[in-house]
Amino acid sequence: MDYVWIIEIDTFCCFILGIILYSLFKNYDRQTKQRYYIKALIMGVVSFLSEINWALLEGNIIREPRIINFFTNAVYYISSILMGYFWLNYVETALESKALKKSGYRIAANLPVLIVILGVIASYFNGFFFYIDENNVYHRGKFVIVHTVLCHSFTLVTSLHALKRSLETKVYLKQLEYKILSMFLLFPLTIGIIQIIFPEIPTVSIGISLAFLFVYIDLQNLLISVDTLTGLNNRNQLMKYLGNKIRNENENENLYVFMLDVNKFKKINDTYGHVEGDAALVRCAKALKTFKKDGQNFIGRYGGDEFIVIAEIKDKNSLESYCQKMKNELAYICKKEKVAYDLSFSIGYALYNKNMKSIQDFIAEADKKLYEAKKQRVVS
């Protein structure tokens, strides 16, 4: 086996995870799920460094006492399972899983870690996972497969759970986030198959590093599609989503765009200042997030004081009721927070038809109806 190759690959993988860690610490927001992600990355780096040390010893590049050799391999086995454990907690936190609050979940999540720690201790006496012979050479034990299965069980469970949640949620950004998380397993699994076929090629560490990198890049790209003030989708994400919906139009559903505008927003800004104006927009976003309706797929900030809701609605007679419920939700929040001024929506909506030549035509039709609604409000 070419141990130099292993050293080079694991060093490169440490470099990749190190760059991600640097970026995360530079923009660290101290969310619970972010801390779990960082801990998983750190455990990944520790496991790679342990493997580098193993390769240096096995390749006779350095010499270490037998006890240090055992300790280094013990660190590898424990850090590997902890990487999976922290990844599990990161994903479950991102999924806002109710299981996190259940004692049964905590026991089930901690059990594989406990088994591995006990297995490592047992390895010192009977070579359960591995043993170091009298010549200071590492050997796999009879039950090393237990460690492999337990490590992969974490990523398997989280990937399946994330995929399930992505199919259940109707919040577009959540769908994308959960799909990204569900794909983590694909990299170590597919690339790991190469190592099964060609054992001399250490590809598992590459798969793990690529999985972390893929998730990090895609989630960062997802953040770019979010309006920083309100936390809603921005216009860029709107165009992507609406384009996808039109291309995959469901003939059994009616696709609507609802354009919402904050009434007298300029007056709110001029009277109470821009800080309160921003607070007003946040309240509007909160109302739209809270508002729940079957078929509601997308909520976004179009720009300024304009918001967009995209929905597939079967019953055309429920459209006015749909709009009124959005207005009522905002009115309820304003009453609850004792807002001193009138904060309300005007709403216009349009039904998509194939005669519309572009997404902008679709949105323009809703905007036209919004203008009519605002005009009627001024007249009344």
Protein backbone atom coordinates (compact mmCIF):
# COMPACT_ATOMS: atom_id res chain seq x y z
CA MET A 1 0.00 0.00 0.00
CA ASP A 2 1.24 3.49 -0.86
CA TYR A 3 1.11 5.23 2.52
CA VAL A 4 2.41 8.49 1.05
CA TRP A 5 -0.72 8.63 -1.08
CA ILE A 6 -2.92 8.24 2.02
CA ILE A 7 -1.00 11.02 3.77
CA GLU A 8 -1.40 13.35 0.79
CA ILE A 9 -5.13 12.64 0.39
CA ASP A 10 -5.93 13.07 4.10
CA THR A 11 -3.83 16.23 4.27
CA PHE A 12 -5.79 17.64 1.34
CA CYS A 13 -9.07 16.68 3.05
CA CYS A 14 -7.94 18.41 6.25
CA PHE A 15 -7.21 21.46 4.14
CA ILE A 16 -10.75 21.44 2.68
CA LEU A 17 -12.43 21.09 6.09
CA GLY A 18 -10.06 23.73 7.49
CA ILE A 19 -11.18 26.26 4.89
CA ILE A 20 -14.84 25.59 5.75
CA LEU A 21 -14.08 25.95 9.46
CA TYR A 22 -12.26 29.22 8.86
CA SER A 23 -15.22 30.58 6.91
CA LEU A 24 -17.68 29.47 9.60
CA PHE A 25 -15.68 30.99 12.46
CA LYS A 26 -15.29 34.20 10.47
CA ASN A 27 -19.09 34.49 10.14
CA TYR A 28 -20.08 32.56 13.26
CA ASP A 29 -23.70 33.29 14.21
CA ARG A 30 -23.69 31.03 17.32
CA GLN A 31 -26.88 29.19 16.39
CA THR A 32 -27.19 25.77 18.00
CA LYS A 33 -27.20 23.95 14.67
CA GLN A 34 -24.14 25.92 13.55
CA ARG A 35 -22.23 24.72 16.62
CA TYR A 36 -23.08 21.10 15.81
CA TYR A 37 -21.88 21.57 12.23
CA ILE A 38 -18.58 23.01 13.45
CA LYS A 39 -18.11 20.15 15.93
CA ALA A 40 -18.74 17.61 13.15
CA LEU A 41 -16.10 19.32 11.00
CA ILE A 42 -13.59 19.36 13.86
CA MET A 43 -14.12 15.64 14.46
CA GLY A 44 -13.58 15.08 10.74
CA VAL A 45 -10.25 16.89 10.89
CA VAL A 46 -9.23 14.91 14.00
CA SER A 47 -10.06 11.60 12.32
CA PHE A 48 -8.07 12.55 9.20
CA LEU A 49 -5.08 13.63 11.30
CA SER A 50 -5.23 10.31 13.17
CA GLU A 51 -5.24 8.45 9.87
CA ILE A 52 -2.25 10.51 8.71
CA ASN A 53 -0.38 9.51 11.85
CA TRP A 54 -1.30 5.86 11.24
CA ALA A 55 0.03 6.06 7.67
CA LEU A 56 3.27 7.65 8.88
CA LEU A 57 3.78 4.76 11.31
CA GLU A 58 2.76 1.99 8.92
CA GLY A 59 4.96 3.45 6.22
CA ASN A 60 7.94 3.50 8.61
CA ILE A 61 8.26 7.25 8.08
CA ILE A 62 8.17 7.93 11.83
CA ARG A 63 8.47 5.83 14.98
CA GLU A 64 6.22 5.98 18.04
CA PRO A 65 5.79 3.85 21.19
CA ARG A 66 3.17 1.13 20.97
CA ILE A 67 0.87 2.87 23.48
CA ILE A 68 0.91 6.06 21.38
CA ASN A 69 0.08 3.99 18.31
CA PHE A 70 -2.90 2.48 20.13
CA PHE A 71 -4.02 5.88 21.41
CA THR A 72 -3.86 7.42 17.92
CA ASN A 73 -6.07 4.68 16.48
CA ALA A 74 -8.44 4.98 19.44
CA VAL A 75 -8.80 8.68 18.68
CA TYR A 76 -9.60 7.82 15.05
CA TYR A 77 -12.41 5.41 15.99
CA ILE A 78 -13.95 7.75 18.56
CA SER A 79 -13.67 10.93 16.45
CA SER A 80 -15.27 9.12 13.49
CA ILE A 81 -18.36 8.17 15.49
CA LEU A 82 -18.53 11.64 17.07
CA MET A 83 -18.46 13.20 13.61
CA GLY A 84 -21.58 11.21 12.74
CA TYR A 85 -23.16 12.03 16.12
CA PHE A 86 -22.70 15.79 15.71
CA TRP A 87 -23.91 15.61 12.12
CA LEU A 88 -27.06 13.86 13.33
CA ASN A 89 -27.70 16.63 15.86
CA TYR A 90 -27.00 19.32 13.26
CA VAL A 91 -29.50 17.90 10.77
CA GLU A 92 -32.18 17.19 13.38
CA THR A 93 -31.83 20.75 14.68
CA ALA A 94 -32.06 22.13 11.14
CA LEU A 95 -35.20 20.02 10.60
CA GLU A 96 -36.63 21.44 13.85
CA SER A 97 -37.26 17.85 14.90
CA LYS A 98 -39.51 17.30 17.91
CA ALA A 99 -37.51 14.17 18.68
CA LEU A 100 -34.70 16.35 20.08
CA LYS A 101 -36.80 16.99 23.20
CA LYS A 102 -37.50 13.31 23.83
CA SER A 103 -35.32 11.33 26.22
CA GLY A 104 -35.70 8.21 24.07
CA TYR A 105 -34.08 10.00 21.14
CA ARG A 106 -31.15 11.14 23.27
CA ILE A 107 -30.56 7.59 24.47
CA ALA A 108 -30.76 6.18 20.92
CA ALA A 109 -28.40 8.88 19.61
CA ASN A 110 -25.86 8.41 22.40
CA LEU A 111 -25.88 4.61 22.30
CA PRO A 112 -23.65 4.18 19.19
CA VAL A 113 -21.09 6.57 20.70
CA LEU A 114 -21.09 4.61 23.96
CA ILE A 115 -20.71 1.30 22.09
CA VAL A 116 -17.70 2.61 20.16
CA ILE A 117 -16.02 4.00 23.29
CA LEU A 118 -16.50 0.68 25.10
CA GLY A 119 -15.32 -1.17 21.97
CA VAL A 120 -12.14 0.92 21.88
CA ILE A 121 -11.47 0.16 25.54
CA ALA A 122 -12.10 -3.53 24.89
CA SER A 123 -9.72 -3.37 21.94
CA TYR A 124 -6.84 -2.73 24.32
CA PHE A 125 -7.47 -6.10 25.97
CA ASN A 126 -8.93 -8.37 23.26
CA GLY A 127 -8.64 -6.54 19.90
CA PHE A 128 -12.39 -5.92 19.58
CA PHE A 129 -12.06 -3.23 16.86
CA PHE A 130 -8.28 -3.36 16.34
CA TYR A 131 -5.04 -4.35 18.00
CA ILE A 132 -1.36 -3.40 17.83
CA ASP A 133 0.94 -6.44 17.67
CA GLU A 134 4.31 -6.82 19.35
CA ASN A 135 5.99 -5.29 16.27
CA ASN A 136 3.90 -2.13 16.71
CA VAL A 137 1.83 -2.93 13.60
CA TYR A 138 -1.89 -2.12 13.41
CA HIS A 139 -4.43 -4.90 12.64
CA ARG A 140 -8.20 -4.79 12.29
CA GLY A 141 -10.22 -6.72 14.84
CA LYS A 142 -13.09 -9.15 14.25
CA PHE A 143 -15.76 -6.55 15.02
CA VAL A 144 -14.42 -3.55 13.12
CA ILE A 145 -17.53 -3.74 10.90
CA VAL A 146 -19.60 -2.71 13.94
CA HIS A 147 -17.81 0.64 13.99
CA THR A 148 -18.36 1.15 10.26
CA VAL A 149 -22.08 0.33 10.49
CA LEU A 150 -22.63 2.60 13.49
CA CYS A 151 -20.85 5.53 11.81
CA HIS A 152 -22.91 5.20 8.64
CA SER A 153 -26.13 4.69 10.61
CA PHE A 154 -26.07 8.34 11.66
CA THR A 155 -25.81 9.69 8.11
CA LEU A 156 -28.32 7.13 6.81
CA VAL A 157 -30.96 8.09 9.39
CA THR A 158 -30.47 11.83 8.91
CA SER A 159 -30.49 11.61 5.10
CA LEU A 160 -33.74 9.64 5.06
CA HIS A 161 -35.34 11.96 7.62
CA ALA A 162 -34.28 15.07 5.68
CA LEU A 163 -35.60 13.60 2.44
CA LYS A 164 -38.93 12.76 4.09
CA ARG A 165 -39.27 16.27 5.50
CA SER A 166 -38.40 17.84 2.13
CA LEU A 167 -41.35 15.99 0.59
CA GLU A 168 -43.70 17.00 3.42
CA THR A 169 -42.98 20.72 3.84
CA LYS A 170 -44.67 23.31 1.64
CA VAL A 171 -42.19 26.07 2.47
CA TYR A 172 -40.01 26.37 -0.62
CA LEU A 173 -36.75 27.39 1.09
CA LYS A 174 -37.16 24.58 3.61
CA GLN A 175 -37.69 22.12 0.75
CA LEU A 176 -34.38 23.15 -0.78
CA GLU A 177 -32.51 23.09 2.54
CA TYR A 178 -33.80 19.64 3.47
CA LYS A 179 -32.98 18.21 0.04
CA ILE A 180 -29.41 19.50 0.38
CA LEU A 181 -29.06 17.85 3.79
CA SER A 182 -30.51 14.57 2.49
CA MET A 183 -27.76 14.33 -0.14
CA PHE A 184 -24.89 14.26 2.39
CA LEU A 185 -24.82 10.44 2.43
CA LEU A 186 -24.43 10.15 -1.35
CA PHE A 187 -20.80 11.29 -1.39
CA PRO A 188 -19.21 8.93 1.19
CA LEU A 189 -21.50 6.11 0.01
CA THR A 190 -20.79 6.30 -3.72
CA ILE A 191 -17.11 7.14 -3.36
CA GLY A 192 -16.77 4.54 -0.60
CA ILE A 193 -17.83 1.86 -3.09
CA ILE A 194 -14.62 2.63 -5.01
CA GLN A 195 -12.60 1.79 -1.90
CA ILE A 196 -14.44 -1.52 -1.53
CA ILE A 197 -13.50 -2.43 -5.11
CA PHE A 198 -9.98 -0.99 -4.80
CA PRO A 199 -8.99 -1.21 -1.10
CA GLU A 200 -5.63 0.43 -1.73
CA ILE A 201 -7.34 3.69 -2.75
CA PRO A 202 -8.39 5.68 0.37
CA THR A 203 -11.51 7.38 -0.97
CA VAL A 204 -13.79 7.49 2.11
CA SER A 205 -12.11 10.62 3.47
CA ILE A 206 -12.56 12.27 0.06
CA GLY A 207 -16.26 11.39 0.10
CA ILE A 208 -16.74 12.85 3.59
CA SER A 209 -14.89 16.06 2.69
CA LEU A 210 -16.87 16.51 -0.52
CA ALA A 211 -20.12 15.93 1.41
CA PHE A 212 -19.27 18.69 3.91
CA LEU A 213 -18.17 20.99 1.09
CA PHE A 214 -21.31 20.33 -0.97
CA VAL A 215 -23.62 21.06 1.95
CA TYR A 216 -21.70 24.20 2.91
CA ILE A 217 -21.65 25.67 -0.62
CA ASP A 218 -25.29 24.87 -1.37
CA LEU A 219 -26.54 26.25 1.95
CA GLN A 220 -24.50 29.42 1.40
CA ASN A 221 -26.05 29.77 -2.05
CA LEU A 222 -29.44 29.33 -0.43
CA LEU A 223 -28.71 32.22 1.95
CA ILE A 224 -27.94 34.43 -1.06
CA SER A 225 -31.55 33.85 -2.14
CA VAL A 226 -32.94 35.15 1.16
CA ASP A 227 -33.95 38.75 1.86
CA THR A 228 -31.75 39.75 4.80
CA LEU A 229 -34.33 42.02 6.48
CA THR A 230 -37.40 39.79 6.43
CA GLY A 231 -35.93 36.32 6.03
CA LEU A 232 -38.22 35.70 3.05
CA ASN A 233 -37.23 34.58 -0.44
CA ASN A 234 -35.85 37.41 -2.55
CA ARG A 235 -36.66 38.32 -6.16
CA ASN A 236 -33.90 36.10 -7.56
CA GLN A 237 -35.36 33.06 -5.83
CA LEU A 238 -38.85 34.11 -6.95
CA MET A 239 -37.84 33.97 -10.60
CA LYS A 240 -36.28 30.53 -10.18
CA TYR A 241 -39.29 29.15 -8.35
CA LEU A 242 -41.91 30.62 -10.66
CA GLY A 243 -40.00 29.49 -13.74
CA ASN A 244 -39.89 25.96 -12.38
CA LYS A 245 -43.61 25.99 -11.54
CA ILE A 246 -44.55 27.20 -15.02
CA ARG A 247 -42.35 24.58 -16.71
CA ASN A 248 -43.94 21.85 -14.59
CA GLU A 249 -47.44 23.24 -14.57
CA ASN A 250 -50.08 20.99 -12.99
CA GLU A 251 -53.15 20.99 -15.19
CA ASN A 252 -55.33 20.08 -12.19
CA GLU A 253 -54.29 23.20 -10.27
CA ASN A 254 -54.69 26.92 -10.86
CA LEU A 255 -51.40 28.77 -10.38
CA TYR A 256 -51.84 32.23 -8.86
CA VAL A 257 -49.49 35.08 -8.09
CA PHE A 258 -50.62 37.39 -5.26
CA MET A 259 -48.91 40.79 -5.23
CA LEU A 260 -49.09 42.57 -1.87
CA ASP A 261 -48.24 46.21 -1.19
CA VAL A 262 -48.03 47.95 2.19
CA ASN A 263 -50.54 50.81 2.30
CA LYS A 264 -49.08 54.30 2.93
CA PHE A 265 -45.62 52.88 3.58
CA LYS A 266 -43.93 56.17 2.63
CA LYS A 267 -45.98 57.96 5.27
CA ILE A 268 -44.87 55.39 7.89
CA ASN A 269 -41.23 56.00 6.94
CA ASP A 270 -41.61 59.79 6.91
CA THR A 271 -43.52 59.94 10.21
CA TYR A 272 -41.81 57.26 12.31
CA GLY A 273 -38.42 56.91 10.61
CA HIS A 274 -36.74 54.20 8.55
CA VAL A 275 -36.03 51.97 11.54
CA GLU A 276 -39.75 51.70 12.24
CA GLY A 277 -40.33 51.31 8.51
CA ASP A 278 -38.09 48.25 8.57
CA ALA A 279 -39.96 46.97 11.64
CA ALA A 280 -43.21 47.34 9.70
CA LEU A 281 -41.84 45.21 6.85
CA VAL A 282 -40.70 42.56 9.34
CA ARG A 283 -44.25 42.48 10.78
CA CYS A 284 -45.64 42.00 7.28
CA ALA A 285 -43.23 39.13 6.67
CA LYS A 286 -44.17 37.59 10.02
CA ALA A 287 -47.85 37.74 9.08
CA LEU A 288 -47.19 35.96 5.78
CA LYS A 289 -45.05 33.31 7.48
CA THR A 290 -47.72 32.69 10.10
CA PHE A 291 -50.51 32.55 7.57
CA LYS A 292 -51.12 28.91 6.68
CA LYS A 293 -53.10 27.58 3.77
CA ASP A 294 -53.09 24.32 1.81
CA GLY A 295 -51.42 25.00 -1.51
CA GLN A 296 -49.36 27.95 -0.26
CA ASN A 297 -45.94 27.25 -1.73
CA PHE A 298 -43.90 30.42 -1.86
CA ILE A 299 -43.63 33.69 0.04
CA GLY A 300 -41.14 36.33 -1.01
CA ARG A 301 -40.22 39.99 -0.86
CA TYR A 302 -40.40 41.41 -4.35
CA GLY A 303 -38.73 44.69 -3.42
CA GLY A 304 -39.34 47.75 -1.26
CA ASP A 305 -42.73 47.30 0.41
CA GLU A 306 -44.01 44.71 -2.07
CA PHE A 307 -44.42 41.03 -1.27
CA ILE A 308 -45.44 38.05 -3.37
CA VAL A 309 -47.28 34.85 -2.53
CA ILE A 310 -47.44 32.07 -5.12
CA ALA A 311 -50.10 29.43 -4.59
CA GLU A 312 -51.94 26.66 -6.40
CA ILE A 313 -55.64 27.02 -5.59
CA LYS A 314 -58.42 24.77 -6.88
CA ASP A 315 -61.42 26.79 -5.74
CA LYS A 316 -61.57 30.15 -7.50
CA ASN A 317 -64.37 31.25 -5.18
CA SER A 318 -61.98 31.17 -2.21
CA LEU A 319 -59.57 33.78 -3.60
CA GLU A 320 -61.08 36.79 -1.80
CA SER A 321 -61.21 34.80 1.42
CA TYR A 322 -57.56 33.84 0.88
CA CYS A 323 -56.61 37.52 0.57
CA GLN A 324 -58.69 38.53 3.57
CA LYS A 325 -57.01 35.96 5.79
CA MET A 326 -53.59 37.41 4.93
CA LYS A 327 -54.88 40.88 5.84
CA ASN A 328 -56.42 39.58 9.05
CA GLU A 329 -53.15 37.95 10.09
CA LEU A 330 -51.33 41.26 9.75
CA ALA A 331 -54.09 43.07 11.65
CA TYR A 332 -53.83 40.52 14.47
CA ILE A 333 -50.03 41.01 14.77
CA CYS A 334 -50.43 44.80 14.79
CA LYS A 335 -53.05 44.59 17.54
CA LYS A 336 -50.92 42.19 19.56
CA GLU A 337 -47.84 44.42 19.27
CA LYS A 338 -49.91 47.60 19.79
CA VAL A 339 -48.72 49.25 16.59
CA ALA A 340 -49.61 52.96 16.72
CA TYR A 341 -50.26 53.39 13.00
CA ASP A 342 -52.30 51.73 10.28
CA LEU A 343 -50.35 48.84 8.78
CA SER A 344 -52.25 46.92 6.13
CA PHE A 345 -52.01 45.25 2.72
CA SER A 346 -53.52 45.95 -0.64
CA ILE A 347 -53.58 42.77 -2.73
CA GLY A 348 -53.86 42.03 -6.41
CA TYR A 349 -53.71 38.57 -7.95
CA ALA A 350 -53.52 36.90 -11.34
CA LEU A 351 -54.10 33.41 -12.71
CA TYR A 352 -51.42 31.97 -14.98
CA ASN A 353 -52.40 31.07 -18.52
CA LYS A 354 -50.31 29.80 -21.41
CA ASN A 355 -50.85 32.99 -23.40
CA MET A 356 -48.50 34.79 -21.02
CA LYS A 357 -45.16 34.98 -22.81
CA SER A 358 -42.95 35.39 -19.76
CA ILE A 359 -42.76 35.36 -15.98
CA GLN A 360 -42.79 39.15 -16.04
CA ASP A 361 -46.10 39.10 -17.94
CA PHE A 362 -47.54 36.93 -15.17
CA ILE A 363 -46.29 39.23 -12.42
CA ALA A 364 -47.33 42.34 -14.37
CA GLU A 365 -50.91 41.07 -14.51
CA ALA A 366 -50.97 40.70 -10.72
CA ASP A 367 -49.36 44.12 -10.36
CA LYS A 368 -52.07 45.60 -12.56
CA LYS A 369 -54.75 44.14 -10.28
CA LEU A 370 -52.85 45.47 -7.26
CA TYR A 371 -52.90 48.97 -8.76
CA GLU A 372 -56.67 48.68 -9.24
CA ALA A 373 -57.09 47.51 -5.62
CA LYS A 374 -55.05 50.46 -4.30
CA LYS A 375 -56.94 52.90 -6.50
CA GLN A 376 -60.25 51.55 -5.28
CA ARG A 377 -59.04 51.88 -1.66
CA VAL A 378 -58.18 55.57 -2.20
CA VAL A 379 -61.57 56.23 -3.80
CA SER A 380 -63.44 54.47 -1.01
